[in-house]
Amino acid sequence: MLKFHDGSGQIGAYRNPNGPGLLNARFQAVEGGVIKGVSTIPYDPTMLFLAAAVAQINQKLDVIQATVDELFQYERERDKAELRDSLKTLLGILQEYGDSCDSESEPPRPSCSPSRCP
């Protein structure tokens, strides 16, 4: 590429795609080094509405899921408490049964030894 004498840009050549020969191209530097462009993206209003509705439904489902998780946690804790209570009741019954069996099968013990008693 060749520079213009006035410093305004560069010139180059490229091959003509439509026929024989070369064509010239002029390149100029852009001030600031940044090219800004504005473009609009086409959108469908129905799809935008649908996306907003789906997002809102998703938030509501998250709240419902959190509530269901709390209910299941409560049920698990309640079941554990019932099992502990039943276990305590069974242990009490077993201990009473053991105490009553021991007292019936053993002869009564004398309060003093035979050698000391009159």
N, C-alpha and C. Protein backbone atom coordinates (compact mmCIF):
# COMPACT_ATOMS: atom_id res chain seq x y z
N MET A 1 0.85 -1.16 0.00
CA MET A 1 0.00 0.00 0.00
C MET A 1 0.90 1.23 0.00
N LEU A 2 0.42 2.22 -0.64
CA LEU A 2 1.17 3.47 -0.77
C LEU A 2 0.47 4.57 0.00
N LYS A 3 1.26 5.47 0.57
CA LYS A 3 0.70 6.60 1.31
C LYS A 3 0.51 7.78 0.36
N PHE A 4 -0.56 8.55 0.61
CA PHE A 4 -0.77 9.79 -0.14
C PHE A 4 0.24 10.82 0.34
N HIS A 5 0.61 11.73 -0.53
CA HIS A 5 1.57 12.76 -0.17
C HIS A 5 1.03 13.69 0.91
N ASP A 6 -0.26 13.94 0.91
CA ASP A 6 -0.84 14.84 1.91
C ASP A 6 -1.07 14.15 3.26
N GLY A 7 -0.84 12.83 3.36
CA GLY A 7 -0.98 12.10 4.62
C GLY A 7 -2.41 11.76 4.98
N SER A 8 -3.35 11.91 4.05
CA SER A 8 -4.75 11.68 4.37
C SER A 8 -5.14 10.20 4.34
N GLY A 9 -4.31 9.31 3.87
CA GLY A 9 -4.67 7.90 3.84
C GLY A 9 -3.69 7.09 3.03
N GLN A 10 -4.15 5.93 2.61
CA GLN A 10 -3.32 5.02 1.82
C GLN A 10 -4.13 4.54 0.63
N ILE A 11 -3.42 4.12 -0.40
CA ILE A 11 -4.07 3.59 -1.58
C ILE A 11 -3.53 2.19 -1.82
N GLY A 12 -4.40 1.34 -2.29
CA GLY A 12 -4.02 -0.03 -2.58
C GLY A 12 -4.74 -0.51 -3.81
N ALA A 13 -4.35 -1.64 -4.31
CA ALA A 13 -4.96 -2.21 -5.50
C ALA A 13 -5.47 -3.60 -5.17
N TYR A 14 -6.55 -3.97 -5.85
CA TYR A 14 -7.09 -5.32 -5.70
C TYR A 14 -7.56 -5.81 -7.06
N ARG A 15 -7.67 -7.08 -7.21
CA ARG A 15 -8.03 -7.69 -8.48
C ARG A 15 -9.51 -7.50 -8.74
N ASN A 16 -9.88 -7.16 -9.95
CA ASN A 16 -11.27 -6.96 -10.33
C ASN A 16 -11.97 -8.32 -10.41
N PRO A 17 -13.02 -8.55 -9.60
CA PRO A 17 -13.70 -9.85 -9.64
C PRO A 17 -14.56 -10.04 -10.88
N ASN A 18 -14.92 -8.94 -11.57
CA ASN A 18 -15.81 -9.03 -12.73
C ASN A 18 -15.08 -9.03 -14.06
N GLY A 19 -13.81 -8.96 -14.06
CA GLY A 19 -13.10 -8.92 -15.34
C GLY A 19 -11.61 -8.77 -15.12
N PRO A 20 -10.87 -8.58 -16.19
CA PRO A 20 -9.42 -8.44 -16.06
C PRO A 20 -9.03 -7.08 -15.53
N GLY A 21 -7.86 -7.02 -14.94
CA GLY A 21 -7.31 -5.75 -14.48
C GLY A 21 -7.38 -5.59 -12.98
N LEU A 22 -6.85 -4.44 -12.52
CA LEU A 22 -6.82 -4.12 -11.10
C LEU A 22 -7.67 -2.89 -10.84
N LEU A 23 -8.21 -2.80 -9.66
CA LEU A 23 -8.96 -1.63 -9.22
C LEU A 23 -8.25 -1.02 -8.02
N ASN A 24 -8.45 0.29 -7.81
CA ASN A 24 -7.83 1.00 -6.69
C ASN A 24 -8.80 1.10 -5.52
N ALA A 25 -8.21 1.06 -4.31
CA ALA A 25 -9.00 1.24 -3.10
C ALA A 25 -8.30 2.28 -2.24
N ARG A 26 -9.06 3.19 -1.70
CA ARG A 26 -8.49 4.25 -0.86
C ARG A 26 -8.88 3.97 0.59
N PHE A 27 -7.89 3.94 1.49
CA PHE A 27 -8.11 3.68 2.91
C PHE A 27 -7.76 4.93 3.70
N GLN A 28 -8.65 5.30 4.62
CA GLN A 28 -8.40 6.46 5.46
C GLN A 28 -8.52 6.03 6.92
N ALA A 29 -7.66 6.57 7.77
CA ALA A 29 -7.68 6.26 9.19
C ALA A 29 -8.89 6.92 9.83
N VAL A 30 -9.49 6.24 10.78
CA VAL A 30 -10.64 6.77 11.50
C VAL A 30 -10.13 7.43 12.77
N GLU A 31 -10.62 8.62 13.06
CA GLU A 31 -10.21 9.35 14.26
C GLU A 31 -10.67 8.61 15.51
N GLY A 32 -9.81 8.48 16.48
CA GLY A 32 -10.15 7.83 17.74
C GLY A 32 -10.03 6.33 17.70
N GLY A 33 -9.93 5.73 16.58
CA GLY A 33 -9.73 4.29 16.49
C GLY A 33 -10.95 3.45 16.79
N VAL A 34 -12.12 4.06 16.99
CA VAL A 34 -13.32 3.29 17.31
C VAL A 34 -14.41 3.66 16.32
N ILE A 35 -15.02 2.65 15.77
CA ILE A 35 -16.14 2.87 14.86
C ILE A 35 -17.42 2.54 15.62
N LYS A 36 -18.31 3.50 15.67
CA LYS A 36 -19.57 3.29 16.36
C LYS A 36 -20.68 3.16 15.34
N GLY A 37 -21.56 2.24 15.59
CA GLY A 37 -22.69 2.05 14.70
C GLY A 37 -23.94 1.81 15.51
N VAL A 38 -25.05 2.21 14.98
CA VAL A 38 -26.33 2.01 15.65
C VAL A 38 -27.15 1.07 14.79
N SER A 39 -27.65 0.04 15.41
CA SER A 39 -28.50 -0.88 14.68
C SER A 39 -29.68 -1.26 15.55
N THR A 40 -30.75 -1.55 14.93
CA THR A 40 -31.94 -1.99 15.66
C THR A 40 -32.13 -3.48 15.41
N ILE A 41 -32.46 -4.17 16.46
CA ILE A 41 -32.70 -5.59 16.35
C ILE A 41 -34.21 -5.81 16.30
N PRO A 42 -34.69 -6.45 15.27
CA PRO A 42 -36.13 -6.68 15.20
C PRO A 42 -36.55 -7.70 16.25
N TYR A 43 -37.70 -7.47 16.88
CA TYR A 43 -38.22 -8.41 17.87
C TYR A 43 -39.73 -8.52 17.69
N ASP A 44 -40.21 -9.63 18.16
CA ASP A 44 -41.64 -9.91 18.10
C ASP A 44 -42.23 -9.56 19.47
N PRO A 45 -43.18 -8.62 19.55
CA PRO A 45 -43.75 -8.25 20.85
C PRO A 45 -44.39 -9.43 21.58
N THR A 46 -44.93 -10.36 20.83
CA THR A 46 -45.55 -11.53 21.45
C THR A 46 -44.51 -12.36 22.18
N MET A 47 -43.35 -12.54 21.56
CA MET A 47 -42.28 -13.32 22.19
C MET A 47 -41.75 -12.60 23.43
N LEU A 48 -41.68 -11.27 23.38
CA LEU A 48 -41.23 -10.50 24.54
C LEU A 48 -42.21 -10.67 25.70
N PHE A 49 -43.51 -10.59 25.41
CA PHE A 49 -44.53 -10.79 26.43
C PHE A 49 -44.46 -12.19 27.00
N LEU A 50 -44.29 -13.17 26.13
CA LEU A 50 -44.21 -14.56 26.56
C LEU A 50 -43.00 -14.79 27.46
N ALA A 51 -41.87 -14.19 27.11
CA ALA A 51 -40.66 -14.34 27.94
C ALA A 51 -40.88 -13.73 29.33
N ALA A 52 -41.54 -12.58 29.38
CA ALA A 52 -41.82 -11.95 30.68
C ALA A 52 -42.78 -12.81 31.50
N ALA A 53 -43.78 -13.39 30.86
CA ALA A 53 -44.74 -14.25 31.57
C ALA A 53 -44.05 -15.51 32.10
N VAL A 54 -43.18 -16.10 31.30
CA VAL A 54 -42.47 -17.30 31.74
C VAL A 54 -41.56 -16.98 32.92
N ALA A 55 -40.89 -15.83 32.89
CA ALA A 55 -40.02 -15.44 34.01
C ALA A 55 -40.84 -15.26 35.29
N GLN A 56 -42.02 -14.66 35.19
CA GLN A 56 -42.87 -14.47 36.36
C GLN A 56 -43.38 -15.81 36.90
N ILE A 57 -43.76 -16.70 36.02
CA ILE A 57 -44.22 -18.03 36.44
C ILE A 57 -43.09 -18.78 37.13
N ASN A 58 -41.89 -18.64 36.59
CA ASN A 58 -40.73 -19.31 37.17
C ASN A 58 -40.46 -18.83 38.60
N GLN A 59 -40.60 -17.52 38.83
CA GLN A 59 -40.41 -16.98 40.18
C GLN A 59 -41.46 -17.53 41.14
N LYS A 60 -42.71 -17.61 40.69
CA LYS A 60 -43.77 -18.14 41.55
C LYS A 60 -43.53 -19.62 41.87
N LEU A 61 -43.06 -20.37 40.88
CA LEU A 61 -42.76 -21.78 41.12
C LEU A 61 -41.62 -21.94 42.12
N ASP A 62 -40.64 -21.05 42.08
CA ASP A 62 -39.56 -21.12 43.05
C ASP A 62 -40.07 -20.90 44.47
N VAL A 63 -41.01 -19.99 44.64
CA VAL A 63 -41.59 -19.74 45.96
C VAL A 63 -42.38 -20.96 46.42
N ILE A 64 -43.15 -21.55 45.52
CA ILE A 64 -43.92 -22.75 45.87
C ILE A 64 -42.99 -23.89 46.25
N GLN A 65 -41.90 -24.07 45.50
CA GLN A 65 -40.95 -25.14 45.80
C GLN A 65 -40.32 -24.94 47.17
N ALA A 66 -40.00 -23.71 47.53
CA ALA A 66 -39.42 -23.44 48.84
C ALA A 66 -40.42 -23.79 49.94
N THR A 67 -41.70 -23.48 49.74
CA THR A 67 -42.73 -23.81 50.73
C THR A 67 -42.88 -25.32 50.88
N VAL A 68 -42.87 -26.03 49.77
CA VAL A 68 -42.99 -27.49 49.81
C VAL A 68 -41.78 -28.10 50.53
N ASP A 69 -40.59 -27.57 50.28
CA ASP A 69 -39.40 -28.07 50.98
C ASP A 69 -39.52 -27.87 52.48
N GLU A 70 -40.04 -26.71 52.91
CA GLU A 70 -40.24 -26.46 54.34
C GLU A 70 -41.25 -27.44 54.93
N LEU A 71 -42.32 -27.73 54.20
CA LEU A 71 -43.33 -28.68 54.70
C LEU A 71 -42.74 -30.08 54.85
N PHE A 72 -41.95 -30.53 53.88
CA PHE A 72 -41.33 -31.84 53.99
C PHE A 72 -40.36 -31.89 55.16
N GLN A 73 -39.62 -30.81 55.39
CA GLN A 73 -38.69 -30.77 56.53
C GLN A 73 -39.48 -30.86 57.84
N TYR A 74 -40.61 -30.16 57.94
CA TYR A 74 -41.45 -30.22 59.13
C TYR A 74 -41.96 -31.65 59.35
N GLU A 75 -42.42 -32.30 58.29
CA GLU A 75 -42.93 -33.67 58.40
C GLU A 75 -41.84 -34.63 58.87
N ARG A 76 -40.63 -34.47 58.36
CA ARG A 76 -39.52 -35.33 58.79
C ARG A 76 -39.21 -35.13 60.27
N GLU A 77 -39.19 -33.89 60.71
CA GLU A 77 -38.92 -33.61 62.12
C GLU A 77 -40.04 -34.16 63.01
N ARG A 78 -41.29 -34.02 62.56
CA ARG A 78 -42.41 -34.53 63.34
C ARG A 78 -42.35 -36.06 63.45
N ASP A 79 -42.02 -36.73 62.35
CA ASP A 79 -41.90 -38.20 62.38
C ASP A 79 -40.78 -38.64 63.31
N LYS A 80 -39.66 -37.92 63.29
CA LYS A 80 -38.56 -38.26 64.20
C LYS A 80 -38.98 -38.10 65.66
N ALA A 81 -39.73 -37.03 65.94
CA ALA A 81 -40.19 -36.80 67.31
C ALA A 81 -41.15 -37.90 67.76
N GLU A 82 -42.04 -38.33 66.87
CA GLU A 82 -42.97 -39.41 67.21
C GLU A 82 -42.22 -40.71 67.47
N LEU A 83 -41.20 -40.99 66.65
CA LEU A 83 -40.42 -42.21 66.85
C LEU A 83 -39.66 -42.17 68.19
N ARG A 84 -39.11 -41.01 68.53
CA ARG A 84 -38.41 -40.89 69.81
C ARG A 84 -39.37 -41.12 70.97
N ASP A 85 -40.57 -40.55 70.89
CA ASP A 85 -41.56 -40.72 71.95
C ASP A 85 -41.98 -42.19 72.08
N SER A 86 -42.20 -42.84 70.95
CA SER A 86 -42.58 -44.26 70.99
C SER A 86 -41.46 -45.11 71.57
N LEU A 87 -40.22 -44.77 71.22
CA LEU A 87 -39.08 -45.52 71.76
C LEU A 87 -38.97 -45.33 73.28
N LYS A 88 -39.18 -44.12 73.76
CA LYS A 88 -39.14 -43.88 75.20
C LYS A 88 -40.24 -44.67 75.91
N THR A 89 -41.43 -44.70 75.31
CA THR A 89 -42.54 -45.45 75.90
C THR A 89 -42.21 -46.94 75.96
N LEU A 90 -41.67 -47.48 74.87
CA LEU A 90 -41.31 -48.90 74.85
C LEU A 90 -40.21 -49.22 75.86
N LEU A 91 -39.24 -48.34 75.98
CA LEU A 91 -38.17 -48.57 76.97
C LEU A 91 -38.73 -48.56 78.40
N GLY A 92 -39.67 -47.66 78.66
CA GLY A 92 -40.31 -47.62 79.98
C GLY A 92 -41.07 -48.89 80.26
N ILE A 93 -41.83 -49.38 79.28
CA ILE A 93 -42.59 -50.63 79.45
C ILE A 93 -41.64 -51.80 79.67
N LEU A 94 -40.56 -51.86 78.91
CA LEU A 94 -39.58 -52.94 79.04
C LEU A 94 -38.92 -52.91 80.42
N GLN A 95 -38.62 -51.75 80.90
CA GLN A 95 -37.99 -51.65 82.22
C GLN A 95 -38.97 -52.07 83.32
N GLU A 96 -40.22 -51.65 83.22
CA GLU A 96 -41.23 -52.07 84.21
C GLU A 96 -41.44 -53.58 84.15
N TYR A 97 -41.47 -54.15 82.97
CA TYR A 97 -41.64 -55.59 82.82
C TYR A 97 -40.46 -56.32 83.44
N GLY A 98 -39.25 -55.83 83.17
CA GLY A 98 -38.06 -56.46 83.75
C GLY A 98 -38.05 -56.37 85.26
N ASP A 99 -38.45 -55.23 85.80
CA ASP A 99 -38.50 -55.08 87.26
C ASP A 99 -39.53 -56.02 87.88
N SER A 100 -40.70 -56.15 87.26
CA SER A 100 -41.74 -57.01 87.82
C SER A 100 -41.36 -58.48 87.70
N CYS A 101 -40.68 -58.88 86.63
CA CYS A 101 -40.24 -60.28 86.48
C CYS A 101 -39.16 -60.62 87.51
N ASP A 102 -38.24 -59.70 87.74
CA ASP A 102 -37.18 -59.95 88.72
C ASP A 102 -37.75 -60.10 90.12
N SER A 103 -38.72 -59.31 90.47
CA SER A 103 -39.27 -59.37 91.84
C SER A 103 -40.09 -60.63 92.05
N GLU A 104 -40.73 -61.18 91.02
CA GLU A 104 -41.55 -62.38 91.18
C GLU A 104 -40.71 -63.64 91.16
N SER A 105 -39.63 -63.71 90.46
CA SER A 105 -38.85 -64.94 90.33
C SER A 105 -37.86 -65.15 91.46
N GLU A 106 -37.45 -64.13 92.12
CA GLU A 106 -36.50 -64.28 93.22
C GLU A 106 -37.24 -64.38 94.54
N PRO A 107 -36.75 -65.23 95.41
CA PRO A 107 -37.39 -65.27 96.74
C PRO A 107 -37.05 -63.99 97.50
N PRO A 108 -37.88 -63.63 98.40
CA PRO A 108 -37.58 -62.42 99.17
C PRO A 108 -36.31 -62.61 99.98
N ARG A 109 -35.53 -61.60 100.01
CA ARG A 109 -34.25 -61.66 100.75
C ARG A 109 -34.51 -61.29 102.21
N PRO A 110 -33.86 -62.04 103.06
CA PRO A 110 -34.02 -61.66 104.48
C PRO A 110 -33.26 -60.38 104.76
N SER A 111 -33.75 -59.67 105.73
CA SER A 111 -33.11 -58.42 106.06
C SER A 111 -31.82 -58.65 106.85
N CYS A 112 -31.67 -59.85 107.42
CA CYS A 112 -30.44 -60.15 108.13
C CYS A 112 -29.94 -61.51 107.68
N SER A 113 -28.71 -61.79 107.91
CA SER A 113 -28.15 -63.09 107.50
C SER A 113 -28.58 -64.15 108.48
N PRO A 114 -28.63 -65.46 108.08
CA PRO A 114 -29.13 -66.51 108.97
C PRO A 114 -28.30 -66.67 110.23
N SER A 115 -27.02 -66.43 110.16
CA SER A 115 -26.22 -66.61 111.36
C SER A 115 -26.48 -65.54 112.40
N ARG A 116 -26.96 -64.42 111.98
CA ARG A 116 -27.21 -63.34 112.93
C ARG A 116 -28.62 -63.32 113.44
N CYS A 117 -29.53 -63.92 112.71
CA CYS A 117 -30.93 -63.83 113.10
C CYS A 117 -31.17 -64.76 114.31
N PRO A 118 -32.09 -64.41 115.22
CA PRO A 118 -32.40 -65.24 116.39
C PRO A 118 -33.21 -66.44 116.08
